[in-house]
Amino acid sequence: MSTDHRIRLRRPWQCQPTAGGLRWLRRFNWPARLGPGEQVWLVCERFAAGPVCATLNGRPLGTLAAGAVGRLEITAALALRNELWLEIASSPGADACSVDQPPGEVCLEIARVVQ
């Protein structure tokens, strides 16, 4: 697998406090450059807090450890319009919703499947 294109999911994010941390929402459309024989990966990097539980369009994707680079293959879960939720455990009393994006890098990587 080789990465052909990387799409950073920067602003706008929406944040909601939860009992155990924060939920971050980011909406995005179908990747325009996605072609046959390609896969889309959700990549989360530099999240100091964690774990990070990812959900796309209501479908749980998996849990990523804090401090690690996490990669989840999401091609089958993609729709024309998508809702990505990241639930992040945080320390009590932290007001991280005062910022406008999650505490780490989030991107989509489009990669050609080599057979």
N, C-alpha and C. Protein backbone atom coordinates (compact mmCIF):
# COMPACT_ATOMS: atom_id res chain seq x y z
N MET A 1 0.84 -1.18 0.00
CA MET A 1 0.00 0.00 0.00
C MET A 1 0.88 1.24 0.00
N SER A 2 0.59 2.18 -0.88
CA SER A 2 1.32 3.44 -0.90
C SER A 2 0.31 4.58 -0.82
N THR A 3 0.61 5.59 0.00
CA THR A 3 -0.30 6.72 0.17
C THR A 3 -0.20 7.62 -1.04
N ASP A 4 -1.36 7.86 -1.69
CA ASP A 4 -1.39 8.72 -2.85
C ASP A 4 -1.77 10.15 -2.50
N HIS A 5 -2.59 10.31 -1.46
CA HIS A 5 -3.11 11.64 -1.15
C HIS A 5 -3.49 11.70 0.32
N ARG A 6 -3.25 12.84 0.94
CA ARG A 6 -3.58 13.03 2.35
C ARG A 6 -4.47 14.27 2.48
N ILE A 7 -5.59 14.12 3.20
CA ILE A 7 -6.54 15.21 3.41
C ILE A 7 -6.59 15.48 4.91
N ARG A 8 -6.13 16.64 5.33
CA ARG A 8 -6.18 17.00 6.75
C ARG A 8 -7.58 17.46 7.11
N LEU A 9 -8.11 16.92 8.20
CA LEU A 9 -9.43 17.32 8.68
C LEU A 9 -9.25 18.39 9.75
N ARG A 10 -9.09 19.60 9.29
CA ARG A 10 -8.94 20.74 10.19
C ARG A 10 -10.32 21.31 10.48
N ARG A 11 -10.37 22.54 10.88
CA ARG A 11 -11.64 23.19 11.20
C ARG A 11 -12.60 23.09 10.03
N PRO A 12 -13.90 23.03 10.29
CA PRO A 12 -14.61 23.24 11.56
C PRO A 12 -14.93 21.93 12.27
N TRP A 13 -14.60 21.85 13.53
CA TRP A 13 -14.97 20.76 14.42
C TRP A 13 -15.98 21.30 15.43
N GLN A 14 -16.83 20.44 15.93
CA GLN A 14 -17.75 20.80 17.01
C GLN A 14 -17.43 19.90 18.20
N CYS A 15 -17.55 20.46 19.39
CA CYS A 15 -17.19 19.73 20.61
C CYS A 15 -18.37 19.65 21.56
N GLN A 16 -18.50 18.48 22.22
CA GLN A 16 -19.51 18.28 23.26
C GLN A 16 -18.85 17.61 24.45
N PRO A 17 -19.01 18.19 25.66
CA PRO A 17 -18.51 17.51 26.85
C PRO A 17 -19.34 16.25 27.13
N THR A 18 -18.69 15.21 27.63
CA THR A 18 -19.37 13.98 28.04
C THR A 18 -18.96 13.67 29.47
N ALA A 19 -19.55 12.65 30.05
CA ALA A 19 -19.22 12.27 31.43
C ALA A 19 -17.75 11.87 31.56
N GLY A 20 -17.17 11.25 30.51
CA GLY A 20 -15.80 10.76 30.60
C GLY A 20 -14.78 11.54 29.80
N GLY A 21 -15.20 12.61 29.14
CA GLY A 21 -14.25 13.36 28.32
C GLY A 21 -14.94 14.29 27.36
N LEU A 22 -14.58 14.18 26.08
CA LEU A 22 -15.11 15.07 25.05
C LEU A 22 -15.46 14.28 23.79
N ARG A 23 -16.49 14.73 23.09
CA ARG A 23 -16.85 14.17 21.78
C ARG A 23 -16.64 15.26 20.75
N TRP A 24 -15.87 14.94 19.73
CA TRP A 24 -15.59 15.88 18.65
C TRP A 24 -16.29 15.40 17.38
N LEU A 25 -16.97 16.30 16.68
CA LEU A 25 -17.68 15.99 15.44
C LEU A 25 -17.06 16.77 14.30
N ARG A 26 -16.84 16.06 13.18
CA ARG A 26 -16.36 16.72 11.95
C ARG A 26 -17.12 16.10 10.80
N ARG A 27 -17.78 16.93 10.00
CA ARG A 27 -18.48 16.47 8.81
C ARG A 27 -17.58 16.69 7.60
N PHE A 28 -17.68 15.77 6.64
CA PHE A 28 -16.92 15.90 5.40
C PHE A 28 -17.62 15.11 4.30
N ASN A 29 -17.33 15.45 3.07
CA ASN A 29 -17.93 14.78 1.91
C ASN A 29 -17.04 13.64 1.42
N TRP A 30 -17.60 12.86 0.51
CA TRP A 30 -16.86 11.78 -0.15
C TRP A 30 -15.58 12.36 -0.74
N PRO A 31 -14.43 11.73 -0.53
CA PRO A 31 -13.18 12.24 -1.11
C PRO A 31 -13.24 12.27 -2.64
N ALA A 32 -13.04 13.44 -3.20
CA ALA A 32 -13.21 13.65 -4.64
C ALA A 32 -12.26 12.81 -5.49
N ARG A 33 -11.07 12.55 -5.00
CA ARG A 33 -10.08 11.83 -5.80
C ARG A 33 -10.13 10.32 -5.63
N LEU A 34 -11.11 9.81 -4.92
CA LEU A 34 -11.17 8.38 -4.65
C LEU A 34 -11.53 7.61 -5.91
N GLY A 35 -10.67 6.70 -6.29
CA GLY A 35 -10.89 5.92 -7.50
C GLY A 35 -10.94 4.43 -7.20
N PRO A 36 -11.22 3.64 -8.23
CA PRO A 36 -11.23 2.19 -8.04
C PRO A 36 -9.85 1.69 -7.61
N GLY A 37 -9.85 0.70 -6.75
CA GLY A 37 -8.59 0.14 -6.28
C GLY A 37 -7.91 0.98 -5.21
N GLU A 38 -8.63 1.94 -4.62
CA GLU A 38 -8.06 2.76 -3.57
C GLU A 38 -8.83 2.55 -2.27
N GLN A 39 -8.13 2.73 -1.16
CA GLN A 39 -8.73 2.63 0.16
C GLN A 39 -8.55 3.97 0.87
N VAL A 40 -9.45 4.22 1.83
CA VAL A 40 -9.34 5.43 2.64
C VAL A 40 -9.08 5.01 4.08
N TRP A 41 -8.10 5.66 4.68
CA TRP A 41 -7.71 5.38 6.05
C TRP A 41 -7.90 6.64 6.89
N LEU A 42 -8.47 6.47 8.08
CA LEU A 42 -8.52 7.54 9.06
C LEU A 42 -7.24 7.44 9.88
N VAL A 43 -6.51 8.54 9.97
CA VAL A 43 -5.25 8.56 10.70
C VAL A 43 -5.32 9.61 11.80
N CYS A 44 -5.04 9.21 13.02
CA CYS A 44 -5.00 10.12 14.17
C CYS A 44 -3.59 10.11 14.74
N GLU A 45 -3.01 11.30 14.90
CA GLU A 45 -1.64 11.43 15.38
C GLU A 45 -1.57 12.48 16.49
N ARG A 46 -0.61 12.31 17.37
CA ARG A 46 -0.28 13.28 18.41
C ARG A 46 -1.43 13.59 19.37
N PHE A 47 -2.22 12.57 19.70
CA PHE A 47 -3.25 12.73 20.72
C PHE A 47 -2.63 12.33 22.06
N ALA A 48 -2.39 13.31 22.94
CA ALA A 48 -1.80 13.02 24.24
C ALA A 48 -2.83 12.37 25.16
N ALA A 49 -4.07 12.84 25.06
CA ALA A 49 -5.15 12.25 25.86
C ALA A 49 -5.69 11.04 25.12
N GLY A 50 -6.31 10.16 25.85
CA GLY A 50 -6.87 9.01 25.18
C GLY A 50 -7.43 8.03 26.17
N PRO A 51 -7.94 6.96 25.71
CA PRO A 51 -7.99 6.50 24.32
C PRO A 51 -8.98 7.30 23.48
N VAL A 52 -8.88 7.16 22.16
CA VAL A 52 -9.74 7.84 21.21
C VAL A 52 -10.63 6.79 20.55
N CYS A 53 -11.95 6.90 20.73
CA CYS A 53 -12.91 5.99 20.10
C CYS A 53 -13.50 6.68 18.88
N ALA A 54 -13.36 6.08 17.72
CA ALA A 54 -13.80 6.69 16.46
C ALA A 54 -15.07 6.02 15.95
N THR A 55 -16.01 6.86 15.47
CA THR A 55 -17.26 6.39 14.88
C THR A 55 -17.49 7.18 13.60
N LEU A 56 -17.83 6.48 12.52
CA LEU A 56 -18.12 7.14 11.24
C LEU A 56 -19.52 6.75 10.80
N ASN A 57 -20.37 7.75 10.62
CA ASN A 57 -21.75 7.54 10.18
C ASN A 57 -22.49 6.54 11.06
N GLY A 58 -22.26 6.64 12.36
CA GLY A 58 -22.93 5.76 13.32
C GLY A 58 -22.31 4.38 13.46
N ARG A 59 -21.25 4.12 12.73
CA ARG A 59 -20.60 2.81 12.75
C ARG A 59 -19.29 2.89 13.55
N PRO A 60 -19.19 2.16 14.68
CA PRO A 60 -17.93 2.19 15.44
C PRO A 60 -16.77 1.66 14.58
N LEU A 61 -15.68 2.41 14.58
CA LEU A 61 -14.50 2.02 13.80
C LEU A 61 -13.45 1.32 14.64
N GLY A 62 -13.31 1.76 15.87
CA GLY A 62 -12.29 1.18 16.73
C GLY A 62 -11.78 2.19 17.73
N THR A 63 -10.86 1.75 18.57
CA THR A 63 -10.28 2.58 19.61
C THR A 63 -8.78 2.69 19.37
N LEU A 64 -8.28 3.91 19.49
CA LEU A 64 -6.86 4.18 19.27
C LEU A 64 -6.22 4.58 20.59
N ALA A 65 -5.02 4.10 20.83
CA ALA A 65 -4.29 4.40 22.07
C ALA A 65 -3.75 5.83 22.03
N ALA A 66 -3.70 6.45 23.21
CA ALA A 66 -3.12 7.78 23.32
C ALA A 66 -1.63 7.72 23.00
N GLY A 67 -1.13 8.76 22.36
CA GLY A 67 0.29 8.86 22.08
C GLY A 67 0.79 8.07 20.88
N ALA A 68 -0.04 7.23 20.32
CA ALA A 68 0.37 6.41 19.17
C ALA A 68 -0.26 6.96 17.89
N VAL A 69 0.32 6.62 16.76
CA VAL A 69 -0.31 6.93 15.48
C VAL A 69 -1.32 5.82 15.22
N GLY A 70 -2.58 6.21 15.11
CA GLY A 70 -3.64 5.24 14.87
C GLY A 70 -4.14 5.29 13.45
N ARG A 71 -4.34 4.13 12.86
CA ARG A 71 -4.82 4.03 11.47
C ARG A 71 -5.99 3.06 11.43
N LEU A 72 -7.11 3.53 10.87
CA LEU A 72 -8.29 2.69 10.72
C LEU A 72 -8.76 2.77 9.27
N GLU A 73 -8.96 1.63 8.64
CA GLU A 73 -9.45 1.59 7.25
C GLU A 73 -10.95 1.86 7.27
N ILE A 74 -11.41 2.88 6.51
CA ILE A 74 -12.80 3.33 6.59
C ILE A 74 -13.54 3.31 5.25
N THR A 75 -12.96 2.76 4.22
CA THR A 75 -13.56 2.82 2.88
C THR A 75 -15.00 2.34 2.86
N ALA A 76 -15.29 1.21 3.45
CA ALA A 76 -16.64 0.63 3.41
C ALA A 76 -17.65 1.45 4.20
N ALA A 77 -17.20 2.28 5.13
CA ALA A 77 -18.10 3.07 5.96
C ALA A 77 -18.39 4.45 5.36
N LEU A 78 -17.71 4.81 4.28
CA LEU A 78 -17.89 6.14 3.69
C LEU A 78 -19.24 6.28 2.99
N ALA A 79 -19.79 7.50 3.04
CA ALA A 79 -21.02 7.86 2.34
C ALA A 79 -20.75 9.17 1.59
N LEU A 80 -21.73 9.64 0.84
CA LEU A 80 -21.54 10.92 0.15
C LEU A 80 -21.29 12.05 1.15
N ARG A 81 -22.04 12.04 2.24
CA ARG A 81 -21.84 13.01 3.32
C ARG A 81 -21.57 12.20 4.60
N ASN A 82 -20.51 12.57 5.31
CA ASN A 82 -20.04 11.77 6.43
C ASN A 82 -19.99 12.56 7.73
N GLU A 83 -20.22 11.84 8.85
CA GLU A 83 -20.06 12.40 10.19
C GLU A 83 -19.06 11.54 10.94
N LEU A 84 -17.96 12.16 11.30
CA LEU A 84 -16.91 11.49 12.07
C LEU A 84 -16.99 11.99 13.51
N TRP A 85 -17.12 11.06 14.44
CA TRP A 85 -17.11 11.37 15.87
C TRP A 85 -15.85 10.77 16.49
N LEU A 86 -15.16 11.57 17.28
CA LEU A 86 -14.03 11.10 18.06
C LEU A 86 -14.35 11.34 19.52
N GLU A 87 -14.42 10.28 20.31
CA GLU A 87 -14.63 10.40 21.75
C GLU A 87 -13.28 10.23 22.42
N ILE A 88 -12.92 11.24 23.21
CA ILE A 88 -11.59 11.26 23.80
C ILE A 88 -11.73 11.37 25.31
N ALA A 89 -11.16 10.43 26.02
CA ALA A 89 -11.13 10.50 27.47
C ALA A 89 -10.23 11.65 27.88
N SER A 90 -10.66 12.41 28.89
CA SER A 90 -9.83 13.53 29.34
C SER A 90 -9.91 13.64 30.85
N SER A 91 -9.04 14.46 31.38
CA SER A 91 -9.03 14.64 32.83
C SER A 91 -10.23 15.49 33.25
N PRO A 92 -10.81 15.19 34.42
CA PRO A 92 -11.96 15.95 34.89
C PRO A 92 -11.63 17.43 35.02
N GLY A 93 -12.59 18.27 34.65
CA GLY A 93 -12.42 19.71 34.77
C GLY A 93 -11.69 20.35 33.61
N ALA A 94 -11.20 19.58 32.67
CA ALA A 94 -10.50 20.16 31.52
C ALA A 94 -11.51 20.80 30.59
N ASP A 95 -11.28 22.06 30.23
CA ASP A 95 -12.20 22.79 29.36
C ASP A 95 -11.64 22.82 27.94
N ALA A 96 -11.45 21.64 27.36
CA ALA A 96 -10.86 21.55 26.03
C ALA A 96 -11.84 21.96 24.93
N CYS A 97 -13.13 22.12 25.26
CA CYS A 97 -14.10 22.58 24.25
C CYS A 97 -13.92 24.05 23.94
N SER A 98 -13.06 24.73 24.65
CA SER A 98 -12.81 26.14 24.38
C SER A 98 -11.95 26.32 23.12
N VAL A 99 -11.34 25.25 22.64
CA VAL A 99 -10.59 25.31 21.39
C VAL A 99 -11.47 24.77 20.27
N ASP A 100 -11.08 25.01 19.01
CA ASP A 100 -11.97 24.66 17.91
C ASP A 100 -11.56 23.44 17.10
N GLN A 101 -10.68 22.62 17.65
CA GLN A 101 -10.35 21.35 17.02
C GLN A 101 -9.78 20.40 18.06
N PRO A 102 -9.84 19.09 17.77
CA PRO A 102 -9.36 18.11 18.76
C PRO A 102 -7.87 18.28 19.06
N PRO A 103 -7.43 17.71 20.17
CA PRO A 103 -6.04 17.85 20.59
C PRO A 103 -5.09 16.89 19.89
N GLY A 104 -5.09 16.89 18.58
CA GLY A 104 -4.23 16.02 17.79
C GLY A 104 -4.51 16.24 16.31
N GLU A 105 -3.74 15.58 15.47
CA GLU A 105 -3.92 15.65 14.02
C GLU A 105 -4.88 14.57 13.56
N VAL A 106 -5.82 14.93 12.69
CA VAL A 106 -6.74 13.96 12.11
C VAL A 106 -6.70 14.15 10.60
N CYS A 107 -6.53 13.07 9.87
CA CYS A 107 -6.52 13.18 8.41
C CYS A 107 -7.05 11.90 7.77
N LEU A 108 -7.36 12.02 6.50
CA LEU A 108 -7.72 10.87 5.68
C LEU A 108 -6.56 10.60 4.73
N GLU A 109 -6.18 9.36 4.62
CA GLU A 109 -5.15 8.98 3.64
C GLU A 109 -5.80 8.10 2.59
N ILE A 110 -5.61 8.48 1.34
CA ILE A 110 -6.11 7.68 0.23
C ILE A 110 -4.92 6.91 -0.32
N ALA A 111 -5.07 5.60 -0.35
CA ALA A 111 -3.95 4.75 -0.74
C ALA A 111 -4.39 3.75 -1.80
N ARG A 112 -3.54 3.56 -2.79
CA ARG A 112 -3.78 2.57 -3.83
C ARG A 112 -3.42 1.19 -3.26
N VAL A 113 -4.30 0.25 -3.48
CA VAL A 113 -4.05 -1.13 -3.01
C VAL A 113 -3.18 -1.81 -4.05
N VAL A 114 -2.00 -2.25 -3.62
CA VAL A 114 -1.07 -2.95 -4.50
C VAL A 114 -1.36 -4.45 -4.41
N GLN A 115 -1.61 -5.07 -5.54
CA GLN A 115 -1.93 -6.50 -5.54
C GLN A 115 -0.88 -7.32 -6.21
